[in-house]
PDB file of all heavy atoms in Angstrom:
ATOM      1  N   ALA A   1     -61.796 -65.963 -28.597  1.00  0.00           N
ATOM      2  CA  ALA A   1     -62.948 -65.815 -29.593  1.00  0.00           C
ATOM      3  C   ALA A   1     -63.474 -64.362 -29.590  1.00  0.00           C
ATOM      4  O   ALA A   1     -63.786 -63.784 -28.574  1.00  0.00           O
ATOM      5  CB  ALA A   1     -64.038 -66.786 -29.191  1.00  0.00           C
ATOM      6  N   TYR A   2     -63.699 -64.005 -30.821  1.00  0.00           N
ATOM      7  CA  TYR A   2     -64.291 -62.593 -30.979  1.00  0.00           C
ATOM      8  C   TYR A   2     -65.781 -62.792 -31.123  1.00  0.00           C
ATOM      9  O   TYR A   2     -66.359 -62.707 -32.052  1.00  0.00           O
ATOM     10  CB  TYR A   2     -63.891 -62.068 -32.417  1.00  0.00           C
ATOM     11  CG  TYR A   2     -64.184 -60.617 -32.663  1.00  0.00           C
ATOM     12  CD1 TYR A   2     -63.651 -59.605 -31.832  1.00  0.00           C
ATOM     13  CD2 TYR A   2     -65.071 -60.301 -33.636  1.00  0.00           C
ATOM     14  CE1 TYR A   2     -64.008 -58.256 -32.117  1.00  0.00           C
ATOM     15  CE2 TYR A   2     -65.340 -59.077 -33.976  1.00  0.00           C
ATOM     16  CZ  TYR A   2     -64.902 -57.968 -33.279  1.00  0.00           C
ATOM     17  OH  TYR A   2     -65.231 -56.701 -33.405  1.00  0.00           O
ATOM     18  N   LYS A   3     -66.370 -63.069 -29.873  1.00  0.00           N
ATOM     19  CA  LYS A   3     -67.855 -63.354 -29.840  1.00  0.00           C
ATOM     20  C   LYS A   3     -68.364 -63.206 -28.507  1.00  0.00           C
ATOM     21  O   LYS A   3     -67.693 -63.504 -27.522  1.00  0.00           O
ATOM     22  CB  LYS A   3     -68.295 -64.695 -30.416  1.00  0.00           C
ATOM     23  CG  LYS A   3     -67.655 -65.863 -29.741  1.00  0.00           C
ATOM     24  CD  LYS A   3     -67.874 -67.097 -30.448  1.00  0.00           C
ATOM     25  CE  LYS A   3     -67.136 -67.172 -31.823  1.00  0.00           C
ATOM     26  NZ  LYS A   3     -67.282 -68.478 -32.591  1.00  0.00           N
ATOM     27  N   PHE A   4     -69.595 -62.711 -28.353  1.00  0.00           N
ATOM     28  CA  PHE A   4     -70.215 -62.652 -27.011  1.00  0.00           C
ATOM     29  C   PHE A   4     -70.454 -64.051 -26.413  1.00  0.00           C
ATOM     30  O   PHE A   4     -70.757 -65.082 -27.134  1.00  0.00           O
ATOM     31  CB  PHE A   4     -71.605 -61.954 -27.126  1.00  0.00           C
ATOM     32  CG  PHE A   4     -71.478 -60.476 -27.189  1.00  0.00           C
ATOM     33  CD1 PHE A   4     -70.412 -59.835 -27.878  1.00  0.00           C
ATOM     34  CD2 PHE A   4     -72.484 -59.671 -26.510  1.00  0.00           C
ATOM     35  CE1 PHE A   4     -70.207 -58.475 -27.923  1.00  0.00           C
ATOM     36  CE2 PHE A   4     -72.430 -58.239 -26.565  1.00  0.00           C
ATOM     37  CZ  PHE A   4     -71.372 -57.646 -27.237  1.00  0.00           C
ATOM     38  N   LYS A   5     -70.266 -64.182 -25.102  1.00  0.00           N
ATOM     39  CA  LYS A   5     -70.518 -65.409 -24.400  1.00  0.00           C
ATOM     40  C   LYS A   5     -71.622 -65.358 -23.499  1.00  0.00           C
ATOM     41  O   LYS A   5     -71.997 -64.284 -22.853  1.00  0.00           O
ATOM     42  CB  LYS A   5     -69.247 -65.723 -23.538  1.00  0.00           C
ATOM     43  CG  LYS A   5     -67.930 -65.979 -24.343  1.00  0.00           C
ATOM     44  CD  LYS A   5     -66.831 -66.361 -23.259  1.00  0.00           C
ATOM     45  CE  LYS A   5     -65.565 -66.693 -23.972  1.00  0.00           C
ATOM     46  NZ  LYS A   5     -64.458 -66.966 -22.967  1.00  0.00           N
ATOM     47  N   GLN A   6     -72.315 -66.512 -23.390  1.00  0.00           N
ATOM     48  CA  GLN A   6     -73.646 -66.414 -22.589  1.00  0.00           C
ATOM     49  C   GLN A   6     -73.134 -66.486 -21.271  1.00  0.00           C
ATOM     50  O   GLN A   6     -71.925 -67.037 -20.816  1.00  0.00           O
ATOM     51  CB  GLN A   6     -74.307 -67.805 -22.885  1.00  0.00           C
ATOM     52  CG  GLN A   6     -75.840 -67.639 -22.383  1.00  0.00           C
ATOM     53  CD  GLN A   6     -76.608 -68.824 -23.061  1.00  0.00           C
ATOM     54  OE1 GLN A   6     -76.108 -69.871 -23.501  1.00  0.00           O
ATOM     55  NE2 GLN A   6     -77.992 -68.631 -23.203  1.00  0.00           N
ATOM     56  N   GLY A   7     -73.795 -65.861 -20.328  1.00  0.00           N
ATOM     57  CA  GLY A   7     -73.340 -65.879 -18.937  1.00  0.00           C
ATOM     58  C   GLY A   7     -72.651 -64.563 -18.512  1.00  0.00           C
ATOM     59  O   GLY A   7     -72.545 -64.301 -17.306  1.00  0.00           O
ATOM     60  N   GLN A   8     -72.259 -63.773 -19.487  1.00  0.00           N
ATOM     61  CA  GLN A   8     -71.577 -62.510 -19.216  1.00  0.00           C
ATOM     62  C   GLN A   8     -72.542 -61.448 -19.654  1.00  0.00           C
ATOM     63  O   GLN A   8     -73.255 -61.582 -20.677  1.00  0.00           O
ATOM     64  CB  GLN A   8     -70.297 -62.511 -20.024  1.00  0.00           C
ATOM     65  CG  GLN A   8     -69.192 -63.350 -19.546  1.00  0.00           C
ATOM     66  CD  GLN A   8     -67.791 -63.066 -20.322  1.00  0.00           C
ATOM     67  OE1 GLN A   8     -67.821 -62.481 -21.394  1.00  0.00           O
ATOM     68  NE2 GLN A   8     -66.761 -63.399 -19.769  1.00  0.00           N
ATOM     69  N   THR A   9     -72.438 -60.252 -19.003  1.00  0.00           N
ATOM     70  CA  THR A   9     -73.277 -59.168 -19.387  1.00  0.00           C
ATOM     71  C   THR A   9     -72.656 -58.511 -20.624  1.00  0.00           C
ATOM     72  O   THR A   9     -71.554 -58.827 -20.991  1.00  0.00           O
ATOM     73  CB  THR A   9     -73.260 -58.050 -18.146  1.00  0.00           C
ATOM     74  OG1 THR A   9     -71.986 -57.544 -18.097  1.00  0.00           O
ATOM     75  CG2 THR A   9     -73.760 -58.652 -16.901  1.00  0.00           C
ATOM     76  N   VAL A  10     -73.435 -57.764 -21.180  1.00  0.00           N
ATOM     77  CA  VAL A  10     -72.891 -56.938 -22.420  1.00  0.00           C
ATOM     78  C   VAL A  10     -71.660 -56.193 -22.125  1.00  0.00           C
ATOM     79  O   VAL A  10     -70.665 -56.216 -22.719  1.00  0.00           O
ATOM     80  CB  VAL A  10     -74.057 -56.004 -22.957  1.00  0.00           C
ATOM     81  CG1 VAL A  10     -73.332 -55.071 -24.006  1.00  0.00           C
ATOM     82  CG2 VAL A  10     -75.212 -56.864 -23.558  1.00  0.00           C
ATOM     83  N   ALA A  11     -71.611 -55.474 -20.931  1.00  0.00           N
ATOM     84  CA  ALA A  11     -70.410 -54.757 -20.607  1.00  0.00           C
ATOM     85  C   ALA A  11     -69.240 -55.614 -20.291  1.00  0.00           C
ATOM     86  O   ALA A  11     -68.084 -55.319 -20.717  1.00  0.00           O
ATOM     87  CB  ALA A  11     -70.750 -53.959 -19.351  1.00  0.00           C
ATOM     88  N   GLN A  12     -69.430 -56.823 -19.753  1.00  0.00           N
ATOM     89  CA  GLN A  12     -68.449 -57.724 -19.429  1.00  0.00           C
ATOM     90  C   GLN A  12     -67.839 -58.241 -20.797  1.00  0.00           C
ATOM     91  O   GLN A  12     -66.603 -58.442 -20.966  1.00  0.00           O
ATOM     92  CB  GLN A  12     -68.822 -58.935 -18.591  1.00  0.00           C
ATOM     93  CG  GLN A  12     -68.975 -58.372 -17.153  1.00  0.00           C
ATOM     94  CD  GLN A  12     -69.711 -59.546 -16.234  1.00  0.00           C
ATOM     95  OE1 GLN A  12     -70.540 -60.394 -16.917  1.00  0.00           O
ATOM     96  NE2 GLN A  12     -69.592 -59.543 -14.996  1.00  0.00           N
ATOM     97  N   ASN A  13     -68.726 -58.702 -21.664  1.00  0.00           N
ATOM     98  CA  ASN A  13     -68.344 -59.086 -23.042  1.00  0.00           C
ATOM     99  C   ASN A  13     -67.460 -58.092 -23.725  1.00  0.00           C
ATOM    100  O   ASN A  13     -66.502 -58.421 -24.370  1.00  0.00           O
ATOM    101  CB  ASN A  13     -69.459 -59.588 -23.835  1.00  0.00           C
ATOM    102  CG  ASN A  13     -69.949 -61.012 -23.528  1.00  0.00           C
ATOM    103  OD1 ASN A  13     -69.269 -61.935 -23.969  1.00  0.00           O
ATOM    104  ND2 ASN A  13     -71.198 -61.148 -23.158  1.00  0.00           N
ATOM    105  N   VAL A  14     -68.048 -56.804 -23.772  1.00  0.00           N
ATOM    106  CA  VAL A  14     -67.381 -55.776 -24.539  1.00  0.00           C
ATOM    107  C   VAL A  14     -65.930 -55.566 -24.031  1.00  0.00           C
ATOM    108  O   VAL A  14     -64.975 -55.472 -24.739  1.00  0.00           O
ATOM    109  CB  VAL A  14     -68.137 -54.584 -24.510  1.00  0.00           C
ATOM    110  CG1 VAL A  14     -67.366 -53.320 -24.895  1.00  0.00           C
ATOM    111  CG2 VAL A  14     -69.393 -54.677 -25.304  1.00  0.00           C
ATOM    112  N   LYS A  15     -65.759 -55.529 -22.635  1.00  0.00           N
ATOM    113  CA  LYS A  15     -64.498 -55.184 -22.213  1.00  0.00           C
ATOM    114  C   LYS A  15     -63.489 -56.399 -22.337  1.00  0.00           C
ATOM    115  O   LYS A  15     -62.386 -56.238 -22.586  1.00  0.00           O
ATOM    116  CB  LYS A  15     -64.642 -54.873 -20.682  1.00  0.00           C
ATOM    117  CG  LYS A  15     -65.322 -53.501 -20.367  1.00  0.00           C
ATOM    118  CD  LYS A  15     -65.325 -53.166 -18.786  1.00  0.00           C
ATOM    119  CE  LYS A  15     -65.958 -51.838 -18.569  1.00  0.00           C
ATOM    120  NZ  LYS A  15     -65.957 -51.599 -17.103  1.00  0.00           N
ATOM    121  N   ARG A  16     -64.038 -57.513 -22.147  1.00  0.00           N
ATOM    122  CA  ARG A  16     -63.264 -58.682 -22.370  1.00  0.00           C
ATOM    123  C   ARG A  16     -62.769 -58.813 -23.761  1.00  0.00           C
ATOM    124  O   ARG A  16     -61.535 -58.979 -23.984  1.00  0.00           O
ATOM    125  CB  ARG A  16     -63.933 -60.102 -22.060  1.00  0.00           C
ATOM    126  CG  ARG A  16     -63.345 -61.432 -22.507  1.00  0.00           C
ATOM    127  CD  ARG A  16     -64.146 -62.531 -22.289  1.00  0.00           C
ATOM    128  NE  ARG A  16     -65.429 -62.494 -22.932  1.00  0.00           N
ATOM    129  CZ  ARG A  16     -65.595 -62.900 -24.268  1.00  0.00           C
ATOM    130  NH1 ARG A  16     -64.486 -63.163 -24.935  1.00  0.00           N
ATOM    131  NH2 ARG A  16     -66.665 -62.811 -24.829  1.00  0.00           N
ATOM    132  N   ILE A  17     -63.627 -58.647 -24.729  1.00  0.00           N
ATOM    133  CA  ILE A  17     -63.135 -58.772 -26.049  1.00  0.00           C
ATOM    134  C   ILE A  17     -62.151 -57.666 -26.526  1.00  0.00           C
ATOM    135  O   ILE A  17     -61.143 -57.917 -27.230  1.00  0.00           O
ATOM    136  CB  ILE A  17     -64.395 -58.706 -27.004  1.00  0.00           C
ATOM    137  CG1 ILE A  17     -65.260 -60.003 -26.845  1.00  0.00           C
ATOM    138  CG2 ILE A  17     -63.959 -58.657 -28.473  1.00  0.00           C
ATOM    139  CD1 ILE A  17     -66.609 -59.998 -27.467  1.00  0.00           C
ATOM    140  N   ALA A  18     -62.453 -56.468 -26.097  1.00  0.00           N
ATOM    141  CA  ALA A  18     -61.581 -55.241 -26.499  1.00  0.00           C
ATOM    142  C   ALA A  18     -60.189 -55.622 -25.802  1.00  0.00           C
ATOM    143  O   ALA A  18     -59.118 -55.368 -26.488  1.00  0.00           O
ATOM    144  CB  ALA A  18     -62.096 -54.042 -25.944  1.00  0.00           C
ATOM    145  N   SER A  19     -60.093 -55.997 -24.619  1.00  0.00           N
ATOM    146  CA  SER A  19     -58.922 -56.319 -23.968  1.00  0.00           C
ATOM    147  C   SER A  19     -58.146 -57.432 -24.543  1.00  0.00           C
ATOM    148  O   SER A  19     -56.928 -57.399 -24.797  1.00  0.00           O
ATOM    149  CB  SER A  19     -59.145 -56.731 -22.463  1.00  0.00           C
ATOM    150  OG  SER A  19     -57.936 -56.902 -21.729  1.00  0.00           O
ATOM    151  N   GLU A  20     -58.831 -58.488 -25.060  1.00  0.00           N
ATOM    152  CA  GLU A  20     -58.182 -59.585 -25.812  1.00  0.00           C
ATOM    153  C   GLU A  20     -57.750 -59.177 -27.132  1.00  0.00           C
ATOM    154  O   GLU A  20     -56.600 -59.565 -27.414  1.00  0.00           O
ATOM    155  CB  GLU A  20     -59.259 -60.647 -25.890  1.00  0.00           C
ATOM    156  CG  GLU A  20     -59.533 -61.518 -24.632  1.00  0.00           C
ATOM    157  CD  GLU A  20     -60.595 -62.499 -24.872  1.00  0.00           C
ATOM    158  OE1 GLU A  20     -61.260 -62.609 -25.995  1.00  0.00           O
ATOM    159  OE2 GLU A  20     -60.960 -63.257 -23.886  1.00  0.00           O
ATOM    160  N   GLU A  21     -58.478 -58.357 -27.799  1.00  0.00           N
ATOM    161  CA  GLU A  21     -57.904 -57.967 -29.093  1.00  0.00           C
ATOM    162  C   GLU A  21     -56.675 -57.023 -29.006  1.00  0.00           C
ATOM    163  O   GLU A  21     -55.718 -57.205 -29.754  1.00  0.00           O
ATOM    164  CB  GLU A  21     -59.088 -57.247 -29.860  1.00  0.00           C
ATOM    165  CG  GLU A  21     -59.980 -58.060 -30.433  1.00  0.00           C
ATOM    166  CD  GLU A  21     -59.663 -59.262 -31.288  1.00  0.00           C
ATOM    167  OE1 GLU A  21     -58.675 -58.934 -32.031  1.00  0.00           O
ATOM    168  OE2 GLU A  21     -60.249 -60.302 -31.315  1.00  0.00           O
ATOM    169  N   LEU A  22     -56.679 -56.168 -28.048  1.00  0.00           N
ATOM    170  CA  LEU A  22     -55.456 -55.252 -27.950  1.00  0.00           C
ATOM    171  C   LEU A  22     -54.237 -56.010 -27.238  1.00  0.00           C
ATOM    172  O   LEU A  22     -53.188 -55.872 -27.669  1.00  0.00           O
ATOM    173  CB  LEU A  22     -55.889 -54.123 -26.962  1.00  0.00           C
ATOM    174  CG  LEU A  22     -56.900 -53.277 -27.623  1.00  0.00           C
ATOM    175  CD1 LEU A  22     -57.302 -52.099 -26.546  1.00  0.00           C
ATOM    176  CD2 LEU A  22     -56.369 -52.598 -28.813  1.00  0.00           C
ATOM    177  N   ALA A  23     -54.538 -57.110 -26.528  1.00  0.00           N
ATOM    178  CA  ALA A  23     -53.460 -57.958 -25.979  1.00  0.00           C
ATOM    179  C   ALA A  23     -52.840 -58.741 -27.187  1.00  0.00           C
ATOM    180  O   ALA A  23     -51.652 -58.903 -27.334  1.00  0.00           O
ATOM    181  CB  ALA A  23     -53.954 -58.919 -24.984  1.00  0.00           C
ATOM    182  N   THR A  24     -53.721 -59.165 -28.200  1.00  0.00           N
ATOM    183  CA  THR A  24     -53.235 -59.898 -29.368  1.00  0.00           C
ATOM    184  C   THR A  24     -52.294 -58.969 -30.213  1.00  0.00           C
ATOM    185  O   THR A  24     -51.220 -59.475 -30.587  1.00  0.00           O
ATOM    186  CB  THR A  24     -54.391 -60.467 -30.142  1.00  0.00           C
ATOM    187  OG1 THR A  24     -55.121 -61.279 -29.444  1.00  0.00           O
ATOM    188  CG2 THR A  24     -53.938 -61.006 -31.552  1.00  0.00           C
ATOM    189  N   ALA A  25     -52.778 -57.769 -30.409  1.00  0.00           N
ATOM    190  CA  ALA A  25     -52.013 -56.757 -31.141  1.00  0.00           C
ATOM    191  C   ALA A  25     -50.637 -56.537 -30.335  1.00  0.00           C
ATOM    192  O   ALA A  25     -49.551 -56.554 -31.031  1.00  0.00           O
ATOM    193  CB  ALA A  25     -52.705 -55.390 -31.219  1.00  0.00           C
ATOM    194  N   LEU A  26     -50.608 -56.415 -29.048  1.00  0.00           N
ATOM    195  CA  LEU A  26     -49.356 -56.164 -28.336  1.00  0.00           C
ATOM    196  C   LEU A  26     -48.438 -57.346 -28.446  1.00  0.00           C
ATOM    197  O   LEU A  26     -47.196 -57.290 -28.533  1.00  0.00           O
ATOM    198  CB  LEU A  26     -49.762 -55.831 -26.847  1.00  0.00           C
ATOM    199  CG  LEU A  26     -50.223 -54.423 -26.686  1.00  0.00           C
ATOM    200  CD1 LEU A  26     -50.857 -54.348 -25.127  1.00  0.00           C
ATOM    201  CD2 LEU A  26     -48.949 -53.387 -26.623  1.00  0.00           C
ATOM    202  N   GLN A  27     -49.118 -58.613 -28.475  1.00  0.00           N
ATOM    203  CA  GLN A  27     -48.173 -59.864 -28.579  1.00  0.00           C
ATOM    204  C   GLN A  27     -47.500 -59.855 -29.846  1.00  0.00           C
ATOM    205  O   GLN A  27     -46.350 -60.390 -29.837  1.00  0.00           O
ATOM    206  CB  GLN A  27     -49.183 -61.008 -28.427  1.00  0.00           C
ATOM    207  CG  GLN A  27     -48.445 -62.363 -28.448  1.00  0.00           C
ATOM    208  CD  GLN A  27     -47.505 -62.631 -27.203  1.00  0.00           C
ATOM    209  OE1 GLN A  27     -47.632 -61.908 -26.212  1.00  0.00           O
ATOM    210  NE2 GLN A  27     -46.637 -63.507 -27.297  1.00  0.00           N
ATOM    211  N   CYS A  28     -47.926 -59.248 -30.842  1.00  0.00           N
ATOM    212  CA  CYS A  28     -47.345 -59.210 -32.183  1.00  0.00           C
ATOM    213  C   CYS A  28     -46.000 -58.248 -32.130  1.00  0.00           C
ATOM    214  O   CYS A  28     -45.212 -58.311 -33.015  1.00  0.00           O
ATOM    215  CB  CYS A  28     -48.242 -58.639 -33.316  1.00  0.00           C
ATOM    216  SG  CYS A  28     -49.571 -59.771 -33.666  1.00  0.00           S
ATOM    217  N   LEU A  29     -46.047 -57.483 -31.040  1.00  0.00           N
ATOM    218  CA  LEU A  29     -44.919 -56.431 -30.899  1.00  0.00           C
ATOM    219  C   LEU A  29     -43.988 -56.889 -29.739  1.00  0.00           C
ATOM    220  O   LEU A  29     -43.310 -56.071 -29.255  1.00  0.00           O
ATOM    221  CB  LEU A  29     -45.491 -55.071 -30.753  1.00  0.00           C
ATOM    222  CG  LEU A  29     -46.175 -54.510 -31.917  1.00  0.00           C
ATOM    223  CD1 LEU A  29     -47.033 -53.231 -31.520  1.00  0.00           C
ATOM    224  CD2 LEU A  29     -45.158 -54.057 -33.083  1.00  0.00           C
ATOM    225  N   ARG A  30     -44.096 -58.120 -29.418  1.00  0.00           N
ATOM    226  CA  ARG A  30     -43.408 -58.641 -28.147  1.00  0.00           C
ATOM    227  C   ARG A  30     -41.853 -58.459 -28.242  1.00  0.00           C
ATOM    228  O   ARG A  30     -41.353 -58.269 -27.230  1.00  0.00           O
ATOM    229  CB  ARG A  30     -43.857 -60.009 -27.866  1.00  0.00           C
ATOM    230  CG  ARG A  30     -43.342 -60.982 -28.893  1.00  0.00           C
ATOM    231  CD  ARG A  30     -43.750 -62.490 -28.639  1.00  0.00           C
ATOM    232  NE  ARG A  30     -43.424 -63.406 -29.482  1.00  0.00           N
ATOM    233  CZ  ARG A  30     -44.161 -63.572 -30.672  1.00  0.00           C
ATOM    234  NH1 ARG A  30     -45.228 -62.866 -31.071  1.00  0.00           N
ATOM    235  NH2 ARG A  30     -43.606 -64.568 -31.531  1.00  0.00           N
ATOM    236  N   ASP A  31     -41.268 -58.455 -29.472  1.00  0.00           N
ATOM    237  CA  ASP A  31     -39.838 -58.360 -29.554  1.00  0.00           C
ATOM    238  C   ASP A  31     -39.480 -56.896 -29.565  1.00  0.00           C
ATOM    239  O   ASP A  31     -38.282 -56.624 -29.583  1.00  0.00           O
ATOM    240  CB  ASP A  31     -39.367 -59.160 -30.706  1.00  0.00           C
ATOM    241  CG  ASP A  31     -39.956 -58.680 -32.120  1.00  0.00           C
ATOM    242  OD1 ASP A  31     -40.789 -57.706 -32.012  1.00  0.00           O
ATOM    243  OD2 ASP A  31     -39.438 -59.249 -33.119  1.00  0.00           O
ATOM    244  N   ARG A  32     -40.386 -56.097 -29.806  1.00  0.00           N
ATOM    245  CA  ARG A  32     -40.157 -54.602 -29.730  1.00  0.00           C
ATOM    246  C   ARG A  32     -39.091 -54.272 -30.867  1.00  0.00           C
ATOM    247  O   ARG A  32     -38.352 -53.318 -30.672  1.00  0.00           O
ATOM    248  CB  ARG A  32     -39.597 -53.985 -28.387  1.00  0.00           C
ATOM    249  CG  ARG A  32     -40.583 -54.199 -27.236  1.00  0.00           C
ATOM    250  CD  ARG A  32     -41.935 -53.556 -27.509  1.00  0.00           C
ATOM    251  NE  ARG A  32     -42.850 -53.819 -26.568  1.00  0.00           N
ATOM    252  CZ  ARG A  32     -43.311 -53.082 -25.585  1.00  0.00           C
ATOM    253  NH1 ARG A  32     -42.729 -51.855 -25.442  1.00  0.00           N
ATOM    254  NH2 ARG A  32     -44.218 -53.443 -24.749  1.00  0.00           N
ATOM    255  N   ALA A  33     -39.205 -54.863 -31.966  1.00  0.00           N
ATOM    256  CA  ALA A  33     -38.292 -54.596 -33.114  1.00  0.00           C
ATOM    257  C   ALA A  33     -38.762 -53.130 -33.564  1.00  0.00           C
ATOM    258  O   ALA A  33     -39.742 -52.580 -33.457  1.00  0.00           O
ATOM    259  CB  ALA A  33     -38.560 -55.538 -34.319  1.00  0.00           C
ATOM    260  N   ALA A  34     -37.855 -52.558 -34.162  1.00  0.00           N
ATOM    261  CA  ALA A  34     -37.992 -51.134 -34.720  1.00  0.00           C
ATOM    262  C   ALA A  34     -39.209 -51.024 -35.774  1.00  0.00           C
ATOM    263  O   ALA A  34     -39.949 -50.221 -35.861  1.00  0.00           O
ATOM    264  CB  ALA A  34     -36.671 -50.598 -35.306  1.00  0.00           C
ATOM    265  N   VAL A  35     -39.140 -52.206 -36.598  1.00  0.00           N
ATOM    266  CA  VAL A  35     -40.221 -52.275 -37.695  1.00  0.00           C
ATOM    267  C   VAL A  35     -40.853 -53.583 -37.483  1.00  0.00           C
ATOM    268  O   VAL A  35     -40.256 -54.668 -37.441  1.00  0.00           O
ATOM    269  CB  VAL A  35     -39.611 -52.205 -38.981  1.00  0.00           C
ATOM    270  CG1 VAL A  35     -40.709 -52.283 -39.981  1.00  0.00           C
ATOM    271  CG2 VAL A  35     -38.734 -51.045 -39.247  1.00  0.00           C
ATOM    272  N   PRO A  36     -42.225 -53.589 -37.277  1.00  0.00           N
ATOM    273  CA  PRO A  36     -42.958 -54.786 -37.063  1.00  0.00           C
ATOM    274  C   PRO A  36     -42.931 -55.668 -38.362  1.00  0.00           C
ATOM    275  O   PRO A  36     -42.760 -55.150 -39.498  1.00  0.00           O
ATOM    276  CB  PRO A  36     -44.445 -54.382 -36.928  1.00  0.00           C
ATOM    277  CG  PRO A  36     -44.456 -52.922 -36.470  1.00  0.00           C
ATOM    278  CD  PRO A  36     -43.144 -52.435 -37.289  1.00  0.00           C
ATOM    279  N   ALA A  37     -42.868 -56.931 -38.229  1.00  0.00           N
ATOM    280  CA  ALA A  37     -42.854 -57.872 -39.493  1.00  0.00           C
ATOM    281  C   ALA A  37     -44.151 -57.661 -40.197  1.00  0.00           C
ATOM    282  O   ALA A  37     -45.175 -57.242 -39.702  1.00  0.00           O
ATOM    283  CB  ALA A  37     -42.660 -59.285 -38.955  1.00  0.00           C
ATOM    284  N   GLU A  38     -43.926 -57.999 -41.487  1.00  0.00           N
ATOM    285  CA  GLU A  38     -45.280 -57.844 -42.348  1.00  0.00           C
ATOM    286  C   GLU A  38     -46.391 -58.590 -41.854  1.00  0.00           C
ATOM    287  O   GLU A  38     -47.632 -58.068 -41.820  1.00  0.00           O
ATOM    288  CB  GLU A  38     -44.943 -58.302 -43.731  1.00  0.00           C
ATOM    289  CG  GLU A  38     -46.023 -57.885 -44.759  1.00  0.00           C
ATOM    290  CD  GLU A  38     -45.544 -58.269 -46.212  1.00  0.00           C
ATOM    291  OE1 GLU A  38     -44.282 -58.071 -46.475  1.00  0.00           O
ATOM    292  OE2 GLU A  38     -46.305 -58.472 -47.103  1.00  0.00           O
ATOM    293  N   SER A  39     -46.230 -59.859 -41.347  1.00  0.00           N
ATOM    294  CA  SER A  39     -47.404 -60.572 -40.796  1.00  0.00           C
ATOM    295  C   SER A  39     -47.876 -59.917 -39.479  1.00  0.00           C
ATOM    296  O   SER A  39     -49.023 -59.932 -39.311  1.00  0.00           O
ATOM    297  CB  SER A  39     -46.871 -61.962 -40.552  1.00  0.00           C
ATOM    298  OG  SER A  39     -45.721 -62.013 -39.506  1.00  0.00           O
ATOM    299  N   SER A  40     -47.147 -59.291 -38.763  1.00  0.00           N
ATOM    300  CA  SER A  40     -47.379 -58.521 -37.585  1.00  0.00           C
ATOM    301  C   SER A  40     -48.261 -57.339 -37.910  1.00  0.00           C
ATOM    302  O   SER A  40     -49.121 -57.092 -37.211  1.00  0.00           O
ATOM    303  CB  SER A  40     -46.291 -58.225 -36.721  1.00  0.00           C
ATOM    304  OG  SER A  40     -45.605 -59.381 -36.248  1.00  0.00           O
ATOM    305  N   VAL A  41     -47.770 -56.735 -38.870  1.00  0.00           N
ATOM    306  CA  VAL A  41     -48.654 -55.486 -39.310  1.00  0.00           C
ATOM    307  C   VAL A  41     -49.983 -55.911 -39.730  1.00  0.00           C
ATOM    308  O   VAL A  41     -51.081 -55.205 -39.198  1.00  0.00           O
ATOM    309  CB  VAL A  41     -47.953 -54.768 -40.547  1.00  0.00           C
ATOM    310  CG1 VAL A  41     -48.838 -53.677 -41.122  1.00  0.00           C
ATOM    311  CG2 VAL A  41     -46.642 -54.137 -40.141  1.00  0.00           C
ATOM    312  N   HIS A  42     -50.196 -56.908 -40.378  1.00  0.00           N
ATOM    313  CA  HIS A  42     -51.555 -57.378 -40.651  1.00  0.00           C
ATOM    314  C   HIS A  42     -52.295 -57.647 -39.525  1.00  0.00           C
ATOM    315  O   HIS A  42     -53.487 -57.293 -39.425  1.00  0.00           O
ATOM    316  CB  HIS A  42     -51.465 -58.584 -41.704  1.00  0.00           C
ATOM    317  CG  HIS A  42     -52.758 -59.246 -41.915  1.00  0.00           C
ATOM    318  ND1 HIS A  42     -53.700 -58.607 -42.748  1.00  0.00           N
ATOM    319  CD2 HIS A  42     -53.297 -60.339 -41.587  1.00  0.00           C
ATOM    320  CE1 HIS A  42     -54.759 -59.431 -42.909  1.00  0.00           C
ATOM    321  NE2 HIS A  42     -54.524 -60.558 -42.014  1.00  0.00           N
ATOM    322  N   GLU A  43     -51.795 -58.427 -38.589  1.00  0.00           N
ATOM    323  CA  GLU A  43     -52.497 -58.909 -37.383  1.00  0.00           C
ATOM    324  C   GLU A  43     -52.819 -57.753 -36.339  1.00  0.00           C
ATOM    325  O   GLU A  43     -53.896 -57.641 -35.832  1.00  0.00           O
ATOM    326  CB  GLU A  43     -51.709 -60.017 -36.548  1.00  0.00           C
ATOM    327  CG  GLU A  43     -51.614 -61.184 -37.280  1.00  0.00           C
ATOM    328  CD  GLU A  43     -53.033 -61.851 -37.653  1.00  0.00           C
ATOM    329  OE1 GLU A  43     -53.932 -61.785 -36.798  1.00  0.00           O
ATOM    330  OE2 GLU A  43     -53.207 -62.364 -38.745  1.00  0.00           O
ATOM    331  N   ILE A  44     -51.888 -56.832 -36.356  1.00  0.00           N
ATOM    332  CA  ILE A  44     -52.174 -55.640 -35.402  1.00  0.00           C
ATOM    333  C   ILE A  44     -53.291 -54.769 -36.022  1.00  0.00           C
ATOM    334  O   ILE A  44     -54.259 -54.296 -35.254  1.00  0.00           O
ATOM    335  CB  ILE A  44     -50.893 -54.812 -35.362  1.00  0.00           C
ATOM    336  CG1 ILE A  44     -49.729 -55.535 -34.725  1.00  0.00           C
ATOM    337  CG2 ILE A  44     -51.162 -53.506 -34.580  1.00  0.00           C
ATOM    338  CD1 ILE A  44     -48.459 -54.954 -34.808  1.00  0.00           C
TER     339      ILE A  44
END
């Protein structure tokens, strides 16, 4: 979820969300193809 969670500090929320979003982008490149698929480009 791209949202702050109760029970986490602002710093914890910020780092968690940033890490999750960049992990999602990396997942779109998991096959390491020379050219990302069009759907992957959008998600990244």
